Amino acid sequence: MKPKVYFTKTVTPEKVIEMYKQLDCKLPGNVAIKVHSGEFGNKNFLRHPIDEPT
């Protein structure tokens, strides 16, 4: 089974919840979310402070 991958240009808690609801199922336990901040030197690279731990 291929994994489903969701993309968004908007990175907010509300958007993450919206994507979670699109799964239309309950996930047991903790859920991991991978955020890719781009690559240094590219125009979409996310710079500090957005990539600092919360």
PDB file of N, CA and C in Angstrom:
ATOM      1  N   MET A   1       0.839  -1.179   0.000  1.00  0.00           N
ATOM      2  CA  MET A   1       0.000   0.000   0.000  1.00  0.00           C
ATOM      3  C   MET A   1       0.886   1.245   0.000  1.00  0.00           C
ATOM      4  N   LYS A   2       0.633   2.154  -0.919  1.00  0.00           N
ATOM      5  CA  LYS A   2       1.390   3.396  -0.982  1.00  0.00           C
ATOM      6  C   LYS A   2       0.887   4.357   0.089  1.00  0.00           C
ATOM      7  N   PRO A   3       1.807   5.093   0.729  1.00  0.00           N
ATOM      8  CA  PRO A   3       1.364   6.068   1.724  1.00  0.00           C
ATOM      9  C   PRO A   3       0.730   7.274   1.048  1.00  0.00           C
ATOM     10  N   LYS A   4      -0.212   7.894   1.739  1.00  0.00           N
ATOM     11  CA  LYS A   4      -0.795   9.138   1.247  1.00  0.00           C
ATOM     12  C   LYS A   4       0.069  10.284   1.742  1.00  0.00           C
ATOM     13  N   VAL A   5       0.332  11.230   0.873  1.00  0.00           N
ATOM     14  CA  VAL A   5       1.145  12.388   1.217  1.00  0.00           C
ATOM     15  C   VAL A   5       0.305  13.630   0.973  1.00  0.00           C
ATOM     16  N   TYR A   6       0.273  14.517   1.958  1.00  0.00           N
ATOM     17  CA  TYR A   6      -0.491  15.758   1.854  1.00  0.00           C
ATOM     18  C   TYR A   6       0.484  16.926   1.835  1.00  0.00           C
ATOM     19  N   PHE A   7       0.232  17.871   0.954  1.00  0.00           N
ATOM     20  CA  PHE A   7       1.066  19.057   0.840  1.00  0.00           C
ATOM     21  C   PHE A   7       0.236  20.292   1.145  1.00  0.00           C
ATOM     22  N   THR A   8       0.875  21.291   1.725  1.00  0.00           N
ATOM     23  CA  THR A   8       0.221  22.565   1.957  1.00  0.00           C
ATOM     24  C   THR A   8       1.260  23.675   1.922  1.00  0.00           C
ATOM     25  N   LYS A   9       0.878  24.817   1.417  1.00  0.00           N
ATOM     26  CA  LYS A   9       1.745  25.990   1.461  1.00  0.00           C
ATOM     27  C   LYS A   9       1.541  26.749   2.760  1.00  0.00           C
ATOM     28  N   THR A  10       0.431  26.469   3.436  1.00  0.00           N
ATOM     29  CA  THR A  10       0.101  27.132   4.688  1.00  0.00           C
ATOM     30  C   THR A  10       0.505  26.230   5.847  1.00  0.00           C
ATOM     31  N   VAL A  11       1.425  26.694   6.682  1.00  0.00           N
ATOM     32  CA  VAL A  11       1.880  25.904   7.821  1.00  0.00           C
ATOM     33  C   VAL A  11       1.352  26.552   9.099  1.00  0.00           C
ATOM     34  N   THR A  12       0.173  26.097   9.517  1.00  0.00           N
ATOM     35  CA  THR A  12      -0.448  26.585  10.745  1.00  0.00           C
ATOM     36  C   THR A  12      -1.041  25.393  11.487  1.00  0.00           C
ATOM     37  N   PRO A  13      -1.265  25.527  12.790  1.00  0.00           N
ATOM     38  CA  PRO A  13      -1.929  24.436  13.515  1.00  0.00           C
ATOM     39  C   PRO A  13      -3.294  24.093  12.918  1.00  0.00           C
ATOM     40  N   GLU A  14      -4.019  25.101  12.468  1.00  0.00           N
ATOM     41  CA  GLU A  14      -5.342  24.872  11.884  1.00  0.00           C
ATOM     42  C   GLU A  14      -5.249  24.040  10.607  1.00  0.00           C
ATOM     43  N   LYS A  15      -4.245  24.303   9.788  1.00  0.00           N
ATOM     44  CA  LYS A  15      -4.072  23.555   8.539  1.00  0.00           C
ATOM     45  C   LYS A  15      -3.701  22.101   8.819  1.00  0.00           C
ATOM     46  N   VAL A  16      -2.879  21.876   9.837  1.00  0.00           N
ATOM     47  CA  VAL A  16      -2.514  20.502  10.203  1.00  0.00           C
ATOM     48  C   VAL A  16      -3.752  19.736  10.648  1.00  0.00           C
ATOM     49  N   ILE A  17      -4.598  20.358  11.445  1.00  0.00           N
ATOM     50  CA  ILE A  17      -5.837  19.714  11.891  1.00  0.00           C
ATOM     51  C   ILE A  17      -6.739  19.426  10.701  1.00  0.00           C
ATOM     52  N   GLU A  18      -6.818  20.356   9.764  1.00  0.00           N
ATOM     53  CA  GLU A  18      -7.634  20.146   8.558  1.00  0.00           C
ATOM     54  C   GLU A  18      -7.143  18.932   7.769  1.00  0.00           C
ATOM     55  N   MET A  19      -5.829  18.802   7.618  1.00  0.00           N
ATOM     56  CA  MET A  19      -5.287  17.652   6.892  1.00  0.00           C
ATOM     57  C   MET A  19      -5.545  16.355   7.656  1.00  0.00           C
ATOM     58  N   TYR A  20      -5.432  16.398   8.979  1.00  0.00           N
ATOM     59  CA  TYR A  20      -5.714  15.218   9.802  1.00  0.00           C
ATOM     60  C   TYR A  20      -7.154  14.764   9.607  1.00  0.00           C
ATOM     61  N   LYS A  21      -8.079  15.707   9.551  1.00  0.00           N
ATOM     62  CA  LYS A  21      -9.492  15.369   9.362  1.00  0.00           C
ATOM     63  C   LYS A  21      -9.747  14.759   7.989  1.00  0.00           C
ATOM     64  N   GLN A  22      -8.924  15.084   7.001  1.00  0.00           N
ATOM     65  CA  GLN A  22      -9.084  14.517   5.666  1.00  0.00           C
ATOM     66  C   GLN A  22      -8.793  13.017   5.645  1.00  0.00           C
ATOM     67  N   LEU A  23      -8.093  12.521   6.657  1.00  0.00           N
ATOM     68  CA  LEU A  23      -7.810  11.084   6.724  1.00  0.00           C
ATOM     69  C   LEU A  23      -9.081  10.276   6.913  1.00  0.00           C
ATOM     70  N   ASP A  24     -10.073  10.876   7.544  1.00  0.00           N
ATOM     71  CA  ASP A  24     -11.378  10.250   7.771  1.00  0.00           C
ATOM     72  C   ASP A  24     -11.250   8.918   8.507  1.00  0.00           C
ATOM     73  N   CYS A  25     -10.340   8.866   9.478  1.00  0.00           N
ATOM     74  CA  CYS A  25     -10.198   7.684  10.322  1.00  0.00           C
ATOM     75  C   CYS A  25      -9.513   8.092  11.621  1.00  0.00           C
ATOM     76  N   LYS A  26      -9.631   7.257  12.625  1.00  0.00           N
ATOM     77  CA  LYS A  26      -8.970   7.512  13.901  1.00  0.00           C
ATOM     78  C   LYS A  26      -7.606   6.832  13.892  1.00  0.00           C
ATOM     79  N   LEU A  27      -6.596   7.546  14.302  1.00  0.00           N
ATOM     80  CA  LEU A  27      -5.257   6.979  14.390  1.00  0.00           C
ATOM     81  C   LEU A  27      -4.916   6.767  15.858  1.00  0.00           C
ATOM     82  N   PRO A  28      -4.552   5.549  16.236  1.00  0.00           N
ATOM     83  CA  PRO A  28      -4.223   5.294  17.634  1.00  0.00           C
ATOM     84  C   PRO A  28      -2.850   5.859  17.996  1.00  0.00           C
ATOM     85  N   GLY A  29      -2.702   6.293  19.218  1.00  0.00           N
ATOM     86  CA  GLY A  29      -1.396   6.751  19.696  1.00  0.00           C
ATOM     87  C   GLY A  29      -0.998   8.101  19.141  1.00  0.00           C
ATOM     88  N   ASN A  30       0.300   8.306  19.050  1.00  0.00           N
ATOM     89  CA  ASN A  30       0.838   9.567  18.552  1.00  0.00           C
ATOM     90  C   ASN A  30       0.932   9.540  17.032  1.00  0.00           C
ATOM     91  N   VAL A  31       0.875  10.709  16.427  1.00  0.00           N
ATOM     92  CA  VAL A  31       0.967  10.840  14.977  1.00  0.00           C
ATOM     93  C   VAL A  31       2.177  11.702  14.654  1.00  0.00           C
ATOM     94  N   ALA A  32       3.028  11.231  13.757  1.00  0.00           N
ATOM     95  CA  ALA A  32       4.203  11.995  13.346  1.00  0.00           C
ATOM     96  C   ALA A  32       3.859  12.855  12.142  1.00  0.00           C
ATOM     97  N   ILE A  33       4.409  14.051  12.128  1.00  0.00           N
ATOM     98  CA  ILE A  33       4.226  14.960  10.999  1.00  0.00           C
ATOM     99  C   ILE A  33       5.611  15.377  10.532  1.00  0.00           C
ATOM    100  N   LYS A  34       5.885  15.164   9.261  1.00  0.00           N
ATOM    101  CA  LYS A  34       7.177  15.547   8.706  1.00  0.00           C
ATOM    102  C   LYS A  34       7.031  16.905   8.029  1.00  0.00           C
ATOM    103  N   VAL A  35       7.891  17.816   8.408  1.00  0.00           N
ATOM    104  CA  VAL A  35       7.898  19.147   7.801  1.00  0.00           C
ATOM    105  C   VAL A  35       9.240  19.324   7.118  1.00  0.00           C
ATOM    106  N   HIS A  36       9.210  19.612   5.838  1.00  0.00           N
ATOM    107  CA  HIS A  36      10.444  19.832   5.085  1.00  0.00           C
ATOM    108  C   HIS A  36      10.622  21.330   4.918  1.00  0.00           C
ATOM    109  N   SER A  37      11.755  21.840   5.381  1.00  0.00           N
ATOM    110  CA  SER A  37      11.982  23.287   5.346  1.00  0.00           C
ATOM    111  C   SER A  37      12.713  23.743   4.095  1.00  0.00           C
ATOM    112  N   GLY A  38      12.864  22.870   3.139  1.00  0.00           N
ATOM    113  CA  GLY A  38      13.562  23.235   1.913  1.00  0.00           C
ATOM    114  C   GLY A  38      15.066  23.079   2.074  1.00  0.00           C
ATOM    115  N   GLU A  39      15.784  23.469   1.067  1.00  0.00           N
ATOM    116  CA  GLU A  39      17.234  23.339   1.090  1.00  0.00           C
ATOM    117  C   GLU A  39      17.872  24.709   1.032  1.00  0.00           C
ATOM    118  N   PHE A  40      18.923  24.889   1.833  1.00  0.00           N
ATOM    119  CA  PHE A  40      19.614  26.169   1.908  1.00  0.00           C
ATOM    120  C   PHE A  40      20.017  26.637   0.513  1.00  0.00           C
ATOM    121  N   GLY A  41      19.726  27.887   0.232  1.00  0.00           N
ATOM    122  CA  GLY A  41      20.059  28.463  -1.064  1.00  0.00           C
ATOM    123  C   GLY A  41      18.894  28.492  -2.035  1.00  0.00           C
ATOM    124  N   ASN A  42      17.877  27.670  -1.801  1.00  0.00           N
ATOM    125  CA  ASN A  42      16.694  27.677  -2.661  1.00  0.00           C
ATOM    126  C   ASN A  42      15.731  28.765  -2.215  1.00  0.00           C
ATOM    127  N   LYS A  43      14.886  29.230  -3.121  1.00  0.00           N
ATOM    128  CA  LYS A  43      13.989  30.344  -2.809  1.00  0.00           C
ATOM    129  C   LYS A  43      12.923  29.989  -1.773  1.00  0.00           C
ATOM    130  N   ASN A  44      12.603  28.726  -1.580  1.00  0.00           N
ATOM    131  CA  ASN A  44      11.574  28.332  -0.615  1.00  0.00           C
ATOM    132  C   ASN A  44      12.144  27.867   0.717  1.00  0.00           C
ATOM    133  N   PHE A  45      13.433  28.041   0.935  1.00  0.00           N
ATOM    134  CA  PHE A  45      14.066  27.627   2.185  1.00  0.00           C
ATOM    135  C   PHE A  45      13.512  28.447   3.344  1.00  0.00           C
ATOM    136  N   LEU A  46      13.058  27.761   4.402  1.00  0.00           N
ATOM    137  CA  LEU A  46      12.529  28.446   5.582  1.00  0.00           C
ATOM    138  C   LEU A  46      13.681  28.808   6.509  1.00  0.00           C
ATOM    139  N   ARG A  47      13.790  30.083   6.819  1.00  0.00           N
ATOM    140  CA  ARG A  47      14.879  30.559   7.676  1.00  0.00           C
ATOM    141  C   ARG A  47      14.400  30.733   9.110  1.00  0.00           C
ATOM    142  N   HIS A  48      15.341  30.967  10.001  1.00  0.00           N
ATOM    143  CA  HIS A  48      15.011  31.232  11.409  1.00  0.00           C
ATOM    144  C   HIS A  48      14.043  32.402  11.490  1.00  0.00           C
ATOM    145  N   PRO A  49      13.131  32.497  12.428  1.00  0.00           N
ATOM    146  CA  PRO A  49      12.960  31.639  13.597  1.00  0.00           C
ATOM    147  C   PRO A  49      11.994  30.480  13.376  1.00  0.00           C
ATOM    148  N   ILE A  50      11.468  30.299  12.161  1.00  0.00           N
ATOM    149  CA  ILE A  50      10.439  29.271  11.963  1.00  0.00           C
ATOM    150  C   ILE A  50      10.983  27.862  12.177  1.00  0.00           C
ATOM    151  N   ASP A  51      12.280  27.647  12.000  1.00  0.00           N
ATOM    152  CA  ASP A  51      12.805  26.293  12.147  1.00  0.00           C
ATOM    153  C   ASP A  51      13.415  26.025  13.521  1.00  0.00           C
ATOM    154  N   GLU A  52      13.166  26.912  14.483  1.00  0.00           N
ATOM    155  CA  GLU A  52      13.644  26.691  15.845  1.00  0.00           C
ATOM    156  C   GLU A  52      12.651  25.833  16.613  1.00  0.00           C
ATOM    157  N   PRO A  53      13.141  25.039  17.576  1.00  0.00           N
ATOM    158  CA  PRO A  53      12.216  24.222  18.382  1.00  0.00           C
ATOM    159  C   PRO A  53      11.224  25.088  19.152  1.00  0.00           C
ATOM    160  N   THR A  54      10.035  24.560  19.368  1.00  0.00           N
ATOM    161  CA  THR A  54       9.039  25.311  20.134  1.00  0.00           C
ATOM    162  C   THR A  54       9.072  24.903  21.579  1.00  0.00           C
TER     163      THR A  54
END
